[in-house]
Amino acid sequence: MTKHAYNDCLLLVDFVITIAGTATEQFISSGKPAIIIPGKGPQFNFRFAEASSLYLGYFVILVQRSENVCNRPDKLHLIFQNEVQRMG
């Protein structure tokens, strides 16, 4: 984990698990998928995460609980196919 090398990390990873809005959008713009876990706070709650997942489309997986992250290999496969198709 780092606070000073976001761009470097962005290039090195294949996907992220995120609990943030703007950072998720920045990551998605690189053509890589994100798994979104909504928080209990006032900003990135389930309602906001759900709205984000609707406009970010195939590049995100919205899960309500962190233990559900790895239960969707079919969805991850679709995300990677979509990435290759859109981003080359």
C-alpha atoms as a PDB file:
ATOM      1  CA  MET A   1       0.000   0.000   0.000  1.00  0.00           C
ATOM      2  CA  THR A   2       1.218   3.442  -0.831  1.00  0.00           C
ATOM      3  CA  LYS A   3       0.040   7.022  -0.858  1.00  0.00           C
ATOM      4  CA  HIS A   4       2.638   8.274  -3.334  1.00  0.00           C
ATOM      5  CA  ALA A   5       2.751   5.929  -6.322  1.00  0.00           C
ATOM      6  CA  TYR A   6      -0.813   5.700  -7.622  1.00  0.00           C
ATOM      7  CA  ASN A   7       0.222   5.805 -11.296  1.00  0.00           C
ATOM      8  CA  ASP A   8       2.868   3.119 -10.797  1.00  0.00           C
ATOM      9  CA  CYS A   9       0.385   0.860  -9.014  1.00  0.00           C
ATOM     10  CA  LEU A  10      -2.198   1.475 -11.708  1.00  0.00           C
ATOM     11  CA  LEU A  11       0.144   0.095 -14.341  1.00  0.00           C
ATOM     12  CA  LEU A  12       1.150  -2.960 -12.310  1.00  0.00           C
ATOM     13  CA  VAL A  13      -2.227  -4.407 -11.298  1.00  0.00           C
ATOM     14  CA  ASP A  14      -4.840  -6.316 -13.299  1.00  0.00           C
ATOM     15  CA  PHE A  15      -7.843  -5.203 -11.229  1.00  0.00           C
ATOM     16  CA  VAL A  16      -8.622  -3.449  -7.940  1.00  0.00           C
ATOM     17  CA  ILE A  17     -10.924  -3.953  -5.011  1.00  0.00           C
ATOM     18  CA  THR A  18     -12.211  -0.518  -4.132  1.00  0.00           C
ATOM     19  CA  ILE A  19     -14.373   1.355  -1.641  1.00  0.00           C
ATOM     20  CA  ALA A  20     -14.081   4.783  -3.276  1.00  0.00           C
ATOM     21  CA  GLY A  21     -15.833   6.680  -6.048  1.00  0.00           C
ATOM     22  CA  THR A  22     -13.381   8.984  -7.823  1.00  0.00           C
ATOM     23  CA  ALA A  23     -10.435   6.615  -7.510  1.00  0.00           C
ATOM     24  CA  THR A  24     -12.564   3.854  -9.031  1.00  0.00           C
ATOM     25  CA  GLU A  25     -13.444   6.035 -12.004  1.00  0.00           C
ATOM     26  CA  GLN A  26      -9.781   6.918 -12.509  1.00  0.00           C
ATOM     27  CA  PHE A  27      -8.819   3.273 -12.434  1.00  0.00           C
ATOM     28  CA  ILE A  28     -11.631   2.222 -14.791  1.00  0.00           C
ATOM     29  CA  SER A  29     -10.464   4.823 -17.302  1.00  0.00           C
ATOM     30  CA  SER A  30      -7.282   2.774 -17.696  1.00  0.00           C
ATOM     31  CA  GLY A  31      -9.411  -0.053 -19.115  1.00  0.00           C
ATOM     32  CA  LYS A  32      -9.039  -2.337 -16.120  1.00  0.00           C
ATOM     33  CA  PRO A  33     -11.857  -3.801 -14.010  1.00  0.00           C
ATOM     34  CA  ALA A  34     -12.734  -2.996 -10.406  1.00  0.00           C
ATOM     35  CA  ILE A  35     -14.636  -4.806  -7.694  1.00  0.00           C
ATOM     36  CA  ILE A  36     -16.702  -2.288  -5.714  1.00  0.00           C
ATOM     37  CA  ILE A  37     -17.546  -2.859  -2.061  1.00  0.00           C
ATOM     38  CA  PRO A  38     -19.832  -0.152  -0.658  1.00  0.00           C
ATOM     39  CA  GLY A  39     -19.104   1.263   2.761  1.00  0.00           C
ATOM     40  CA  LYS A  40     -21.318   2.418   5.593  1.00  0.00           C
ATOM     41  CA  GLY A  41     -20.248   6.058   5.379  1.00  0.00           C
ATOM     42  CA  PRO A  42     -22.230   8.986   4.023  1.00  0.00           C
ATOM     43  CA  GLN A  43     -20.435   9.189   0.673  1.00  0.00           C
ATOM     44  CA  PHE A  44     -19.686   5.749  -0.777  1.00  0.00           C
ATOM     45  CA  ASN A  45     -22.696   3.812   0.467  1.00  0.00           C
ATOM     46  CA  PHE A  46     -24.564   1.040  -1.365  1.00  0.00           C
ATOM     47  CA  ARG A  47     -26.835   3.433  -3.230  1.00  0.00           C
ATOM     48  CA  PHE A  48     -23.907   5.437  -4.605  1.00  0.00           C
ATOM     49  CA  ALA A  49     -21.952   2.272  -5.450  1.00  0.00           C
ATOM     50  CA  GLU A  50     -24.977   0.842  -7.258  1.00  0.00           C
ATOM     51  CA  ALA A  51     -25.383   4.029  -9.320  1.00  0.00           C
ATOM     52  CA  SER A  52     -21.667   3.961 -10.157  1.00  0.00           C
ATOM     53  CA  SER A  53     -21.870   0.364 -11.273  1.00  0.00           C
ATOM     54  CA  LEU A  54     -24.719   1.203 -13.655  1.00  0.00           C
ATOM     55  CA  TYR A  55     -22.778   3.826 -15.595  1.00  0.00           C
ATOM     56  CA  LEU A  56     -19.394   2.070 -15.397  1.00  0.00           C
ATOM     57  CA  GLY A  57     -20.954  -1.092 -16.820  1.00  0.00           C
ATOM     58  CA  TYR A  58     -18.922  -4.222 -17.457  1.00  0.00           C
ATOM     59  CA  PHE A  59     -15.797  -2.786 -15.891  1.00  0.00           C
ATOM     60  CA  VAL A  60     -17.126  -3.208 -12.355  1.00  0.00           C
ATOM     61  CA  ILE A  61     -18.487  -5.897 -10.098  1.00  0.00           C
ATOM     62  CA  LEU A  62     -20.610  -4.615  -7.238  1.00  0.00           C
ATOM     63  CA  VAL A  63     -20.601  -6.852  -4.178  1.00  0.00           C
ATOM     64  CA  GLN A  64     -22.422  -6.075  -0.953  1.00  0.00           C
ATOM     65  CA  ARG A  65     -19.952  -7.899   1.284  1.00  0.00           C
ATOM     66  CA  SER A  66     -16.215  -8.406   0.961  1.00  0.00           C
ATOM     67  CA  GLU A  67     -16.512 -12.193   1.282  1.00  0.00           C
ATOM     68  CA  ASN A  68     -18.452 -12.216  -2.027  1.00  0.00           C
ATOM     69  CA  VAL A  69     -15.494 -10.873  -4.033  1.00  0.00           C
ATOM     70  CA  CYS A  70     -14.198 -14.204  -5.309  1.00  0.00           C
ATOM     71  CA  ASN A  71     -17.570 -15.800  -5.998  1.00  0.00           C
ATOM     72  CA  ARG A  72     -17.906 -14.373  -9.532  1.00  0.00           C
ATOM     73  CA  PRO A  73     -15.262 -15.892 -11.852  1.00  0.00           C
ATOM     74  CA  ASP A  74     -17.752 -15.802 -14.740  1.00  0.00           C
ATOM     75  CA  LYS A  75     -18.177 -12.051 -14.338  1.00  0.00           C
ATOM     76  CA  LEU A  76     -14.408 -11.502 -14.133  1.00  0.00           C
ATOM     77  CA  HIS A  77     -14.028 -13.375 -17.414  1.00  0.00           C
ATOM     78  CA  LEU A  78     -16.623 -11.119 -19.083  1.00  0.00           C
ATOM     79  CA  ILE A  79     -14.845  -8.032 -17.767  1.00  0.00           C
ATOM     80  CA  PHE A  80     -11.515  -9.134 -19.207  1.00  0.00           C
ATOM     81  CA  GLN A  81     -13.136  -9.969 -22.569  1.00  0.00           C
ATOM     82  CA  ASN A  82     -14.774  -6.533 -22.613  1.00  0.00           C
ATOM     83  CA  GLU A  83     -11.459  -4.875 -21.788  1.00  0.00           C
ATOM     84  CA  VAL A  84      -9.682  -6.586 -24.669  1.00  0.00           C
ATOM     85  CA  GLN A  85     -12.497  -5.682 -27.064  1.00  0.00           C
ATOM     86  CA  ARG A  86     -12.616  -2.007 -26.025  1.00  0.00           C
ATOM     87  CA  MET A  87      -9.010  -1.284 -25.196  1.00  0.00           C
ATOM     88  CA  GLY A  88      -7.104  -3.711 -27.428  1.00  0.00           C
END
